[in-house]
Protein backbone atom coordinates (compact mmCIF):
# COMPACT_ATOMS: atom_id res chain seq x y z
CA MET A 1 -7.77 30.58 67.40
CA LEU A 2 -8.09 27.54 66.10
CA LEU A 3 -10.16 27.02 63.41
CA HIS A 4 -13.78 25.58 62.89
CA ARG A 5 -15.32 24.59 59.82
CA PRO A 6 -18.49 23.29 60.08
CA SER A 7 -20.06 21.98 56.53
CA VAL A 8 -23.83 22.94 58.43
CA TYR A 9 -24.70 25.95 60.01
CA LEU A 10 -28.13 27.60 60.98
CA ALA A 11 -28.66 31.50 61.40
CA LEU A 12 -29.90 32.23 64.63
CA SER A 13 -30.91 35.93 64.10
CA VAL A 14 -29.75 38.93 61.87
CA THR A 15 -30.51 42.75 62.66
CA SER A 16 -30.37 45.29 59.90
CA GLY A 17 -30.36 49.15 60.21
CA LEU A 18 -29.42 51.00 63.70
CA LEU A 19 -30.99 49.37 67.69
CA ALA A 20 -32.26 51.99 69.60
CA SER A 21 -30.30 54.12 72.04
CA VAL A 22 -31.37 52.75 75.32
CA SER A 23 -29.21 53.17 78.53
CA PRO A 24 -29.51 50.20 80.44
CA ALA A 25 -28.76 50.15 84.23
CA SER A 26 -25.70 49.73 84.76
CA ALA A 27 -23.89 48.47 88.58
CA ASP A 28 -20.74 48.77 90.33
CA CYS A 29 -19.07 44.68 89.88
CA THR A 30 -18.37 42.49 92.66
CA PHE A 31 -15.91 39.87 93.11
CA THR A 32 -16.89 36.79 95.35
CA PRO A 33 -13.97 37.13 96.92
CA PRO A 34 -13.15 40.73 96.79
CA LEU A 35 -10.31 41.06 94.77
CA THR A 36 -6.82 42.10 95.96
CA THR A 37 -5.47 43.31 92.67
CA GLN A 38 -3.79 46.81 92.07
CA THR A 39 -6.56 46.69 88.98
CA LYS A 40 -10.25 47.17 90.69
CA CYS A 41 -13.21 46.69 88.76
CA VAL A 42 -14.75 49.73 88.84
CA LYS A 43 -18.23 49.93 86.38
CA ALA A 44 -20.40 47.08 84.87
CA VAL A 45 -21.93 48.08 82.26
CA ALA A 46 -25.02 46.70 80.97
CA ILE A 47 -25.86 46.04 76.97
CA PRO A 48 -29.18 46.57 75.83
CA GLY A 49 -31.55 43.52 73.60
CA HIS A 50 -30.41 39.91 73.89
CA PRO A 51 -27.82 38.41 76.42
CA LEU A 52 -23.98 38.48 75.85
CA ARG A 53 -23.43 34.76 74.53
CA SER A 54 -20.88 35.49 71.44
CA PHE A 55 -19.09 38.44 70.74
CA ASP A 56 -15.38 39.55 69.12
CA ILE A 57 -12.71 42.29 68.98
CA SER A 58 -13.43 45.99 70.84
CA TRP A 59 -11.42 48.95 70.26
CA VAL A 60 -11.26 52.49 72.16
CA ASN A 61 -11.46 55.76 70.39
CA PRO A 62 -9.99 58.16 73.25
CA LYS A 63 -10.72 61.31 71.42
CA ARG A 64 -14.19 60.57 71.07
CA ALA A 65 -14.47 58.78 74.51
CA GLU A 66 -16.21 55.97 72.56
CA TYR A 67 -15.28 52.18 73.53
CA TYR A 68 -16.55 49.75 70.37
CA LEU A 69 -17.48 46.09 70.55
CA GLY A 70 -18.33 43.69 67.88
CA ASP A 71 -21.61 41.82 69.39
CA ARG A 72 -22.70 39.08 67.59
CA SER A 73 -25.47 38.24 69.85
CA ASN A 74 -26.66 41.77 69.05
CA ALA A 75 -25.67 41.51 65.40
CA GLY A 76 -23.98 45.13 65.47
CA ILE A 77 -21.02 47.28 67.08
CA ASP A 78 -21.54 48.06 70.65
CA ILE A 79 -20.50 51.90 71.76
CA ILE A 80 -19.89 52.93 74.67
CA ASP A 81 -18.89 56.57 76.27
CA THR A 82 -15.96 56.14 78.33
CA ALA A 83 -16.69 59.54 80.20
CA SER A 84 -19.62 58.47 81.51
CA LEU A 85 -19.70 54.46 81.41
CA THR A 86 -22.84 54.29 79.36
CA PHE A 87 -24.47 52.95 76.78
CA LYS A 88 -24.83 54.78 73.83
CA ARG A 89 -26.18 52.61 70.81
CA THR A 90 -25.35 50.05 68.59
CA LEU A 91 -24.22 50.07 65.06
CA GLY A 92 -26.37 47.65 63.53
CA GLY A 93 -26.43 45.41 59.83
CA PHE A 94 -24.25 42.93 60.79
CA VAL A 95 -25.46 38.88 60.26
CA GLY A 96 -25.12 38.12 64.07
CA ILE A 97 -24.78 35.01 65.91
CA VAL A 98 -24.25 32.08 63.34
CA LEU A 99 -24.68 28.17 64.69
CA ASN A 100 -23.17 25.03 63.29
CA SER A 101 -24.88 22.08 63.16
CA LYS A 102 -24.14 20.99 66.64
CA GLY A 103 -26.02 24.51 67.85
CA ALA A 104 -22.59 25.70 68.84
CA VAL A 105 -21.31 29.47 67.99
CA ASP A 106 -19.75 29.24 64.29
CA ASN A 107 -17.50 32.21 64.89
CA ASN A 108 -16.44 31.67 61.09
CA HIS A 109 -19.30 32.79 59.81
CA SER A 110 -20.44 35.02 62.83
CA GLY A 111 -20.07 38.82 62.75
CA PRO A 112 -19.31 41.44 64.19
CA ASP A 113 -16.02 40.51 64.31
CA GLY A 114 -12.85 42.84 64.03
CA VAL A 115 -13.50 46.68 64.58
CA VAL A 116 -11.05 49.74 64.54
CA SER A 117 -11.77 53.59 64.38
CA HIS A 118 -10.39 57.21 63.63
CA GLY A 119 -12.16 60.18 63.70
CA ARG A 120 -15.63 59.75 62.31
CA TRP A 121 -15.34 56.42 60.76
CA VAL A 122 -15.90 52.65 62.49
CA TYR A 123 -14.94 50.12 60.48
CA GLY A 124 -15.92 46.13 61.32
CA GLY A 125 -15.62 42.67 59.81
CA ASP A 126 -18.77 40.75 59.18
CA GLY A 127 -19.26 37.08 59.45
CA ASP A 128 -20.32 37.32 55.59
CA SER A 129 -16.61 38.27 54.36
CA THR A 130 -17.63 41.89 54.33
CA LEU A 131 -15.76 44.79 55.56
CA LYS A 132 -18.79 47.50 56.75
CA VAL A 133 -18.00 51.31 56.88
CA PHE A 134 -20.10 53.58 59.56
CA ASP A 135 -20.40 57.11 59.89
CA LEU A 136 -20.25 58.43 63.24
CA ASP A 137 -21.60 62.55 62.56
CA ALA A 138 -24.01 61.00 60.23
CA PRO A 139 -28.04 60.80 61.37
CA PRO A 140 -28.20 57.06 62.60
CA ALA A 141 -30.32 55.69 60.47
CA ALA A 142 -27.67 56.49 57.82
CA ALA A 143 -24.61 55.93 59.78
CA LEU A 144 -23.86 52.61 57.67
CA LYS A 145 -22.32 54.31 54.27
CA ASN A 146 -20.17 51.02 52.66
CA THR A 147 -20.32 47.52 52.72
CA ILE A 148 -17.33 45.90 50.99
CA SER A 149 -16.67 42.08 50.17
CA THR A 150 -13.25 40.64 50.50
CA GLY A 151 -13.93 38.48 48.36
CA GLY A 152 -14.15 34.87 50.75
CA THR A 153 -16.87 33.25 52.30
CA THR A 154 -15.84 33.85 56.23
CA ARG A 155 -15.69 36.20 58.23
CA VAL A 156 -13.81 39.38 57.95
CA ASP A 157 -11.84 39.00 61.32
CA GLU A 158 -9.06 41.55 62.91
CA MET A 159 -8.11 44.48 61.71
CA ALA A 160 -5.57 47.40 61.63
CA LEU A 161 -5.15 51.01 60.92
CA THR A 162 -2.40 53.47 60.35
CA SER A 163 -1.63 56.35 62.71
CA ASN A 164 -3.73 59.09 60.88
CA GLY A 165 -6.30 56.17 59.19
CA LYS A 166 -5.96 56.20 56.01
CA LEU A 167 -4.62 52.46 54.93
CA LEU A 168 -6.43 49.57 56.66
CA ILE A 169 -5.49 45.87 56.88
CA ALA A 170 -7.55 43.38 57.61
CA ALA A 171 -7.68 39.43 58.42
CA ASN A 172 -10.05 36.56 56.57
CA ASN A 173 -8.20 34.39 59.09
CA ALA A 174 -11.02 31.26 58.83
CA GLU A 175 -10.08 30.91 54.61
CA ASP A 176 -8.03 28.52 53.13
CA PRO A 177 -5.47 29.40 52.74
CA PRO A 178 -5.97 32.62 55.27
CA PHE A 179 -5.80 36.37 53.50
CA ALA A 180 -5.51 39.54 54.45
CA THR A 181 -6.86 42.67 52.48
CA LEU A 182 -5.25 45.78 52.48
CA PHE A 183 -8.19 49.01 52.06
CA GLN A 184 -7.13 52.24 51.24
CA ALA A 185 -9.50 54.50 54.49
CA ASN A 186 -11.01 57.48 55.26
CA GLY A 187 -8.78 59.42 57.54
CA ASN A 188 -10.27 62.15 58.73
CA ALA A 189 -12.72 62.82 55.53
CA ALA A 190 -16.37 63.58 55.43
CA LYS A 191 -17.35 61.37 52.67
CA ASP A 192 -16.74 57.63 52.70
CA GLN A 193 -13.77 56.91 50.07
CA THR A 194 -12.57 53.91 51.38
CA LYS A 195 -11.86 50.92 48.76
CA LYS A 196 -9.66 47.72 48.16
CA LEU A 197 -6.09 47.71 47.46
CA ALA A 198 -4.67 44.32 47.48
CA HIS A 199 -5.09 41.08 48.58
CA ILE A 200 -2.51 39.38 50.30
CA THR A 201 -1.37 35.90 51.32
CA VAL A 202 1.80 33.89 52.25
CA ASP A 203 4.13 32.08 50.60
CA PRO A 204 2.35 28.30 50.93
CA ALA A 205 6.00 26.88 51.83
CA ILE A 206 5.42 28.91 54.96
CA MET A 207 1.69 28.29 55.41
CA PRO A 208 0.59 25.31 53.22
CA GLU A 209 -3.07 24.75 52.23
CA GLY A 210 -5.65 22.18 53.68
CA ILE A 211 -4.39 22.28 56.75
CA GLY A 212 -6.43 25.44 58.70
CA LEU A 213 -3.75 27.82 59.07
CA SER A 214 -4.96 31.33 59.95
CA LEU A 215 -4.19 35.33 59.86
CA GLU A 216 -4.93 36.89 63.08
CA GLN A 217 -4.52 40.26 64.85
CA PRO A 218 -2.61 43.03 62.72
CA ALA A 219 -0.97 45.67 64.53
CA TRP A 220 0.40 49.46 62.91
CA ASP A 221 3.97 50.54 63.96
CA PRO A 222 4.45 54.62 63.30
CA ARG A 223 8.23 54.09 63.35
CA THR A 224 8.90 51.06 60.81
CA LYS A 225 5.92 52.21 59.19
CA ARG A 226 4.64 48.52 58.91
CA PHE A 227 1.64 46.19 59.51
CA TYR A 228 2.60 43.36 61.92
CA THR A 229 0.54 40.98 61.68
CA SER A 230 0.36 37.56 63.91
CA ILE A 231 0.41 34.24 62.47
CA PRO A 232 -0.20 31.52 65.12
CA ILE A 233 0.99 28.40 63.13
CA ILE A 234 3.64 28.61 60.36
CA ALA A 235 5.76 25.11 58.85
CA ASN A 236 9.11 24.04 59.49
CA ASN A 237 9.30 26.48 62.53
CA PRO A 238 11.12 24.30 63.72
CA MET A 239 12.09 22.33 61.37
CA GLY A 240 10.20 18.90 60.60
CA CYS A 241 7.86 20.26 63.34
CA ASN A 242 4.23 19.40 62.44
CA ALA A 243 1.61 21.86 61.42
CA ASP A 244 -1.37 19.60 60.84
CA ALA A 245 -4.05 19.41 63.40
CA SER A 246 -5.40 16.25 62.25
CA LYS A 247 -1.71 14.36 61.92
CA GLY A 248 -1.17 14.91 66.08
CA ASP A 249 -0.69 17.89 68.29
CA ILE A 250 0.54 21.07 66.63
CA THR A 251 4.41 21.01 67.69
CA CYS A 252 5.87 24.29 65.60
CA ASN A 253 5.52 28.12 66.41
CA GLY A 254 4.37 30.93 64.59
CA GLY A 255 5.47 34.19 62.65
CA LEU A 256 4.64 37.71 62.49
CA LEU A 257 4.12 39.24 58.99
CA VAL A 258 5.02 42.18 58.36
CA THR A 259 3.83 43.99 55.32
CA ASP A 260 4.41 47.70 53.80
CA PRO A 261 1.41 49.46 52.98
CA ASP A 262 3.15 52.33 51.08
CA ALA A 263 4.82 50.23 48.61
CA ILE A 264 1.45 48.06 48.04
CA GLU A 265 0.12 51.92 48.03
CA ASP A 266 2.58 53.17 45.18
CA SER A 267 2.14 49.82 42.81
CA PHE A 268 -1.70 50.37 42.74
CA LYS A 269 -3.08 51.04 39.33
CA GLY A 270 -6.40 50.97 39.76
CA THR A 271 -6.70 47.43 39.85
CA ILE A 272 -6.59 45.00 43.15
CA ILE A 273 -2.81 43.55 43.46
CA ASN A 274 -2.43 40.20 44.57
CA VAL A 275 0.68 40.27 47.23
CA VAL A 276 2.69 36.67 48.00
CA GLN A 277 4.62 37.53 51.16
CA GLY A 278 7.37 34.74 51.50
CA ALA A 279 10.01 34.76 54.47
CA PHE A 280 11.42 38.05 56.29
CA ASP A 281 13.44 39.93 53.19
CA PRO A 282 15.63 42.67 55.82
CA LYS A 283 16.29 44.60 52.60
CA THR A 284 12.90 45.32 52.07
CA ARG A 285 11.65 44.75 55.78
CA THR A 286 9.03 42.76 54.92
CA GLY A 287 7.79 38.79 55.23
CA VAL A 288 7.22 36.38 57.97
CA ILE A 289 9.79 36.70 61.01
CA ALA A 290 9.68 33.12 62.71
CA LEU A 291 8.69 33.40 66.61
CA LYS A 292 11.76 31.09 68.51
CA ASN A 293 9.97 31.32 72.03
CA GLY A 294 7.17 28.47 71.91
CA CYS A 295 4.93 31.58 71.02
CA GLY A 296 1.81 30.63 68.42
CA PRO A 297 0.14 34.07 68.86
CA ASN A 298 -3.33 35.40 67.97
CA GLY A 299 -3.15 39.09 69.46
CA ALA A 300 -0.72 41.47 68.88
CA SER A 301 0.03 45.12 70.11
CA VAL A 302 2.39 47.94 69.34
CA GLY A 303 4.08 49.25 72.93
CA PRO A 304 6.87 51.58 73.87
CA ASP A 305 10.15 51.09 72.24
CA ASP A 306 8.67 49.60 69.07
CA ASN A 307 7.87 46.35 71.11
CA ILE A 308 4.81 44.45 70.20
CA ILE A 309 3.16 41.77 72.24
CA LEU A 310 1.96 39.06 71.00
CA GLY A 311 -0.55 37.19 73.06
CA CYS A 312 0.49 33.26 72.92
CA ASN A 313 -2.04 30.68 73.22
CA PRO A 314 -1.95 27.09 73.66
CA ALA A 315 -5.05 26.76 71.40
CA ASN A 316 -2.97 27.16 68.68
CA ASN A 317 0.22 24.79 70.14
CA PRO A 318 -0.50 23.16 73.38
CA SER A 319 2.78 23.86 74.29
CA ASN A 320 3.19 27.87 74.58
CA VAL A 321 3.17 28.61 78.50
CA ILE A 322 4.25 32.16 78.34
CA THR A 323 3.47 35.62 76.42
CA LEU A 324 6.09 37.46 74.34
CA VAL A 325 7.11 40.88 73.42
CA ILE A 326 9.36 41.27 70.07
CA ASN A 327 11.36 44.35 68.62
CA ALA A 328 10.22 45.65 65.40
CA MET A 329 13.50 46.84 64.51
CA THR A 330 16.05 44.04 66.26
CA HIS A 331 13.21 41.32 66.39
CA LYS A 332 14.89 40.26 69.31
CA GLU A 333 11.96 38.14 71.87
CA THR A 334 11.47 38.71 75.51
CA PRO A 335 9.02 35.95 77.12
CA VAL A 336 6.65 37.32 79.60
CA ILE A 337 6.73 34.35 82.08
CA HIS A 338 3.38 32.72 84.44
CA ILE A 339 0.56 34.69 81.55
CA THR A 340 -0.96 32.94 78.45
CA GLY A 341 -3.47 31.47 76.24
CA ALA A 342 -4.49 35.89 74.99
CA ASP A 343 -6.79 36.07 71.75
CA GLU A 344 -6.42 40.45 71.97
CA VAL A 345 -3.89 41.84 73.61
CA TRP A 346 -3.54 46.28 74.21
CA PHE A 347 -0.76 48.64 75.38
CA ASN A 348 -2.58 51.35 77.07
CA LYS A 349 -0.43 54.47 76.32
CA GLY A 350 -1.57 55.99 79.71
CA ASP A 351 -0.42 53.66 82.15
CA GLY A 352 2.82 51.67 80.45
CA ARG A 353 0.89 48.22 80.61
CA TYR A 354 -0.04 45.60 78.47
CA TYR A 355 -3.34 43.90 78.55
CA THR A 356 -4.24 40.35 77.89
CA GLY A 357 -8.03 38.83 77.12
CA SER A 358 -6.70 35.62 78.30
CA SER A 359 -9.53 32.95 77.78
CA ARG A 360 -7.00 30.12 78.35
CA ASP A 361 -4.14 30.79 80.56
CA CYS A 362 -2.62 28.04 82.17
CA ALA A 363 -3.99 27.19 85.83
CA THR A 364 -1.01 26.13 86.84
CA PRO A 365 1.73 28.61 85.58
CA GLY A 366 4.39 27.70 83.66
CA THR A 367 2.44 24.24 82.89
CA PRO A 368 1.45 23.59 79.95
CA CYS A 369 -2.32 23.77 79.59
CA PRO A 370 -3.50 22.16 75.82
CA THR A 371 -6.82 21.23 77.68
CA PRO A 372 -9.62 23.30 78.83
CA ASN A 373 -9.95 21.95 81.86
CA LEU A 374 -6.56 23.43 82.82
CA GLN A 375 -7.23 26.74 81.78
CA LYS A 376 -8.83 29.38 83.14
CA ALA A 377 -10.26 32.98 82.19
CA VAL A 378 -7.52 36.17 83.21
CA LEU A 379 -7.39 39.65 82.52
CA GLY A 380 -3.11 39.69 82.22
CA VAL A 381 -1.54 43.15 83.30
CA ILE A 382 1.48 43.56 82.11
CA ASP A 383 4.38 46.33 82.82
CA ALA A 384 5.51 47.39 79.24
CA GLU A 385 9.10 49.12 80.08
CA LYS A 386 10.17 46.01 82.12
CA ASN A 387 8.19 42.63 80.62
CA VAL A 388 6.95 41.38 83.35
CA LEU A 389 3.63 40.44 84.56
CA ILE A 390 1.94 42.65 87.47
CA GLU A 391 -0.94 40.33 88.30
CA LYS A 392 -3.73 38.43 86.70
CA VAL A 393 -8.11 39.37 87.34
CA PRO A 394 -10.23 36.38 86.95
CA GLN A 395 -12.83 37.03 84.07
CA SER A 396 -15.91 34.82 82.59
CA SER A 397 -14.72 31.70 80.42
CA GLY A 398 -14.21 32.43 77.23
CA SER A 399 -12.94 36.32 78.07
CA HIS A 400 -10.70 36.99 75.11
CA SER A 401 -11.32 41.07 74.16
CA VAL A 402 -9.48 43.71 75.78
CA ALA A 403 -9.15 47.81 75.07
CA ALA A 404 -8.25 50.04 77.12
CA ASP A 405 -9.14 54.06 77.16
CA SER A 406 -5.38 55.88 77.43
CA LYS A 407 -6.66 59.63 78.07
CA ARG A 408 -9.00 57.92 81.03
CA ASN A 409 -7.18 54.91 81.83
CA LEU A 410 -9.85 52.51 81.65
CA ILE A 411 -9.55 48.93 81.00
CA PHE A 412 -12.54 47.58 79.10
CA VAL A 413 -13.39 43.43 79.17
CA PRO A 414 -16.69 41.84 77.92
CA GLN A 415 -18.40 39.65 80.01
CA VAL A 416 -20.38 36.15 78.66
CA ALA A 417 -23.84 35.52 80.33
CA PRO A 418 -23.67 32.62 81.98
CA VAL A 419 -24.14 29.43 80.40
CA ALA A 420 -27.73 28.38 81.90
CA THR A 421 -28.74 31.58 80.60
CA VAL A 422 -27.33 31.89 76.38
CA GLY A 423 -26.45 27.96 76.80
CA THR A 424 -23.61 26.60 74.38
CA GLY A 425 -20.21 29.28 74.81
CA GLY A 426 -22.18 30.61 78.15
CA ASP A 427 -19.91 31.41 81.18
CA THR A 428 -18.96 28.09 82.90
CA THR A 429 -18.29 30.14 86.28
CA SER A 430 -20.00 32.23 88.42
CA VAL A 431 -17.68 34.57 87.89
CA GLY A 432 -19.31 36.58 85.25
CA ALA A 433 -22.29 36.91 87.06
CA GLY A 434 -20.57 38.56 90.18
CA ILE A 435 -19.00 41.01 87.91
CA CYS A 436 -22.07 42.23 86.09
CA GLY A 437 -24.42 41.55 88.93
CA THR A 438 -27.06 40.49 86.48
CA ALA A 439 -27.32 36.88 84.61
CA ASN A 440 -26.84 38.82 80.91
CA GLY A 441 -23.38 39.46 80.32
CA CYS A 442 -21.78 42.89 80.65
CA VAL A 443 -18.43 45.51 79.91
CA ALA A 444 -16.54 44.96 83.20
CA VAL A 445 -14.61 48.33 83.40
CA TYR A 446 -11.88 48.21 85.15
CA GLN A 447 -8.83 51.12 86.40
CA HIS A 448 -6.08 51.53 89.10
CA ASN A 449 -4.37 53.86 90.61
CA VAL A 450 -1.65 55.00 88.58
CA LYS A 451 -1.11 58.28 86.88
CA SER A 452 -1.77 59.23 83.53
CA ARG A 453 1.08 59.99 81.51
CA ASP A 454 -1.47 61.89 79.49
CA HIS A 455 0.89 61.25 75.79
CA ASP A 456 -2.12 60.00 73.71
CA ASP A 457 -1.98 61.80 70.35
CA ASP A 458 -1.15 59.88 67.60
CA GLU A 459 2.32 59.67 65.95
CA ASP A 460 1.22 59.90 62.11
CA ASP A 461 3.98 59.11 60.11
CA GLU A 462 5.03 61.80 57.20
CA ARG A 463 4.10 59.79 54.46
CA HIS A 464 0.84 59.53 55.62
CA ASP A 465 -0.27 63.47 56.95
CA ASP A 466 -3.65 64.24 57.03
């Protein structure tokens, strides 16, 4: 996302502890006119509490049959049972929505934001620069086991885990300069042992300070044993481009930061390590890969054959009109045309498709859409073997979060409530209310008729076996 750093902000709501486990009524979602796509909406799951005005990243743990949503409106991580498609509970203790001086949601200080899980453990980033660690097997009142500061003043945003859940990387996207934190995580341990290992930044020649640059969604590739983190904008890519929004439209492409957690972990001697990463080094296979195909990415997700889908976004570079797939081994780039504007992206192993939470897709395919009136929100569906767009499904405005249950081939897309209900940040179309059947927002669940490939087991690497 583009960064907005208001100097004044107001707390809207703060909720602590665990919200009551209430199962509100869910509905069969509807579209007017009816959908003609392969991908159908099969259920709209309601979330109790405040109507959904603001949410961020979502995640699915197929083995637990649970979906997790960073719900700022209710200051917690919502949990939906992906087998019964019912709301279960909310993990509370986050700052919730914070407003800026104009009354809009201040994404940089609101929380929760990023969320990931492995086994019994859920990790959530908060707007006060902390990582929160929850034990799902603990009694609800004692689920929150740890709160760890990353040392910043703005949110802990998107994050990723190694296959076995023992190492976690999280981005503080709104700091200046932005940074990532590498944590030791819990894997399948019964007790929390999460701790910081390293503070990671990018060489200022690549990401200059003071111009609002960002780090976004990381992804883990078990074959190369590397984290790959999207960088929306890097300087001099191409040479002479503009990376400073205060000087006009951005004309620089983004990059992909490659991090070797094993090398960092091996260097850890009890004191947090400061790591500065530069341009990509083919010897260590780490550093920043400069993207070449007109992509300023937010989202990242590892697909088949070590391909990584990147959610290019005109909010970063107004000329972006594609989604990009890059191979982690060869760095070959393959543009996916006629879909852009994604924040979170997700590869569903069960059906071999990428899904994009594209809040800023171009209303006219292939044509730049630098302003909101030229953009629309869709769920993008992409064939991950051929890297071609299959279809787009209309969503509520601002729809940017997506996650899939690969065992059940269900795709989860949260919808904001109408602007008439929640004010600034709400849905400015009629799509969300039609999907949800209410004016409170919901989580829409999609599915299409593709037989499960049933290969969801994690590919634990040899170095990090349980």
